[in-house]
N, C-alpha and C. Protein backbone atom coordinates (compact mmCIF):
# COMPACT_ATOMS: atom_id res chain seq x y z
N MET A 1 5.69 -7.31 22.85
CA MET A 1 6.71 -7.62 22.04
C MET A 1 8.00 -8.10 22.82
N TYR A 2 8.68 -9.15 22.35
CA TYR A 2 9.82 -9.72 23.06
C TYR A 2 11.05 -9.07 22.53
N ILE A 3 12.13 -9.00 23.39
CA ILE A 3 13.39 -8.45 22.94
C ILE A 3 13.81 -9.26 21.76
N GLY A 4 14.28 -8.52 20.80
CA GLY A 4 14.79 -9.21 19.47
C GLY A 4 13.68 -9.64 18.55
N SER A 5 12.49 -9.50 18.85
CA SER A 5 11.43 -9.98 17.92
C SER A 5 11.10 -8.83 16.88
N LEU A 6 10.35 -9.15 16.01
CA LEU A 6 9.90 -8.12 15.04
C LEU A 6 8.82 -7.10 15.53
N PRO A 7 8.86 -5.84 15.07
CA PRO A 7 7.85 -4.93 15.53
C PRO A 7 6.39 -5.50 15.00
N GLU A 8 5.49 -5.47 15.90
CA GLU A 8 4.08 -5.86 15.42
C GLU A 8 3.25 -4.69 15.01
N LEU A 9 2.81 -4.77 13.89
CA LEU A 9 1.97 -3.69 13.27
C LEU A 9 0.54 -4.39 13.12
N PHE A 10 -0.43 -3.68 14.02
CA PHE A 10 -1.78 -4.19 13.94
C PHE A 10 -2.50 -3.32 12.89
N LEU A 11 -3.13 -3.96 11.88
CA LEU A 11 -3.78 -3.38 10.86
C LEU A 11 -5.28 -3.60 10.97
N ASP A 12 -6.12 -2.56 10.60
CA ASP A 12 -7.54 -3.02 10.45
C ASP A 12 -7.86 -3.35 9.00
N THR A 13 -8.99 -3.78 8.78
CA THR A 13 -9.37 -4.35 7.42
C THR A 13 -9.39 -3.32 6.38
N ASP A 14 -9.57 -2.05 6.73
CA ASP A 14 -9.39 -0.87 5.77
C ASP A 14 -8.05 -0.97 5.19
N THR A 15 -6.96 -1.27 5.78
CA THR A 15 -5.63 -1.17 5.27
C THR A 15 -5.53 -2.42 4.25
N ALA A 16 -6.02 -3.45 4.47
CA ALA A 16 -6.01 -4.56 3.52
C ALA A 16 -6.80 -4.14 2.33
N PHE A 17 -8.00 -3.55 2.53
CA PHE A 17 -8.83 -3.00 1.41
C PHE A 17 -8.13 -2.01 0.52
N ASP A 18 -7.41 -1.15 1.19
CA ASP A 18 -6.49 -0.13 0.52
C ASP A 18 -5.61 -0.68 -0.43
N ILE A 19 -4.93 -1.82 -0.10
CA ILE A 19 -4.02 -2.54 -0.96
C ILE A 19 -4.69 -3.21 -2.07
N LEU A 20 -5.76 -4.03 -1.66
CA LEU A 20 -6.51 -4.76 -2.74
C LEU A 20 -7.13 -3.87 -3.75
N SER A 21 -7.63 -2.73 -3.33
CA SER A 21 -8.41 -1.87 -4.32
C SER A 21 -7.54 -0.74 -4.81
N LYS A 22 -6.34 -0.61 -4.39
CA LYS A 22 -5.47 0.54 -4.78
C LYS A 22 -6.08 1.84 -4.42
N ARG A 23 -6.83 1.89 -3.21
CA ARG A 23 -7.59 3.07 -2.87
C ARG A 23 -6.61 4.21 -2.52
N GLN A 24 -6.74 5.25 -3.13
CA GLN A 24 -6.06 6.65 -2.87
C GLN A 24 -6.63 7.39 -1.81
N PRO A 25 -5.94 8.14 -0.99
CA PRO A 25 -4.54 8.25 -0.95
C PRO A 25 -3.73 7.26 -0.18
N HIS A 26 -4.44 6.28 0.19
CA HIS A 26 -3.77 5.31 1.35
C HIS A 26 -3.02 4.20 0.82
N TYR A 27 -3.19 3.93 -0.41
CA TYR A 27 -2.53 2.79 -1.12
C TYR A 27 -1.08 2.77 -0.87
N LYS A 28 -0.32 3.84 -1.15
CA LYS A 28 1.07 3.88 -1.08
C LYS A 28 1.71 3.57 0.34
N ASN A 29 1.02 4.14 1.41
CA ASN A 29 1.50 3.87 2.71
C ASN A 29 1.09 2.48 3.08
N SER A 30 0.04 1.97 2.67
CA SER A 30 -0.39 0.63 2.98
C SER A 30 0.49 -0.52 2.40
N VAL A 31 0.96 -0.23 1.14
CA VAL A 31 1.97 -1.04 0.46
C VAL A 31 3.34 -1.09 1.21
N LEU A 32 3.81 0.14 1.78
CA LEU A 32 4.92 0.17 2.47
C LEU A 32 4.94 -0.77 3.77
N LEU A 33 3.78 -0.81 4.39
CA LEU A 33 3.62 -1.74 5.48
C LEU A 33 3.75 -3.21 5.10
N LEU A 34 3.19 -3.52 3.91
CA LEU A 34 3.24 -4.85 3.27
C LEU A 34 4.59 -5.13 3.03
N GLU A 35 5.41 -4.19 2.49
CA GLU A 35 6.77 -4.54 2.10
C GLU A 35 7.60 -4.68 3.25
N LEU A 36 7.38 -4.13 4.47
CA LEU A 36 8.04 -4.41 5.58
C LEU A 36 7.99 -5.78 5.98
N ALA A 37 6.70 -6.36 5.98
CA ALA A 37 6.50 -7.69 6.41
C ALA A 37 7.15 -8.53 5.32
N ALA A 38 7.17 -8.30 4.02
CA ALA A 38 7.76 -9.24 3.02
C ALA A 38 9.33 -9.19 3.23
N LYS A 39 9.82 -8.25 3.72
CA LYS A 39 11.30 -8.10 4.03
C LYS A 39 11.66 -8.63 5.42
N ASP A 40 10.75 -9.18 6.05
CA ASP A 40 10.90 -9.70 7.44
C ASP A 40 11.42 -8.67 8.44
N LYS A 41 10.84 -7.43 8.26
CA LYS A 41 11.18 -6.29 9.15
C LYS A 41 9.96 -6.01 10.09
N ALA A 42 8.90 -6.64 9.88
CA ALA A 42 7.74 -6.26 10.77
C ALA A 42 6.91 -7.60 10.71
N LEU A 43 6.01 -7.71 11.67
CA LEU A 43 5.00 -8.72 11.78
C LEU A 43 3.62 -7.94 11.52
N LEU A 44 2.97 -8.31 10.55
CA LEU A 44 1.50 -7.75 10.38
C LEU A 44 0.51 -8.54 10.91
N LEU A 45 -0.38 -7.89 11.67
CA LEU A 45 -1.53 -8.69 12.37
C LEU A 45 -2.73 -7.95 11.89
N LEU A 46 -3.61 -8.69 11.28
CA LEU A 46 -4.91 -7.99 10.80
C LEU A 46 -6.06 -8.25 11.68
N ALA A 47 -6.64 -7.10 12.09
CA ALA A 47 -7.83 -7.17 13.12
C ALA A 47 -8.98 -7.72 12.51
N GLU A 48 -9.82 -8.43 13.30
CA GLU A 48 -10.99 -8.91 12.75
C GLU A 48 -12.06 -7.83 13.04
N SER A 49 -13.02 -7.75 12.10
CA SER A 49 -14.12 -6.73 12.32
C SER A 49 -15.41 -7.27 12.54
């Protein structure tokens, strides 16, 4: 990460699935990560599986 850049959050495919399927108990925290990216507070990177 470069000075002044956004924090990089590396997510696995399960996190994306949590959001798409509203899988509990992980949905709420997964959406919080997505909201950080939507507000330009973090950069989300999705890992390939």
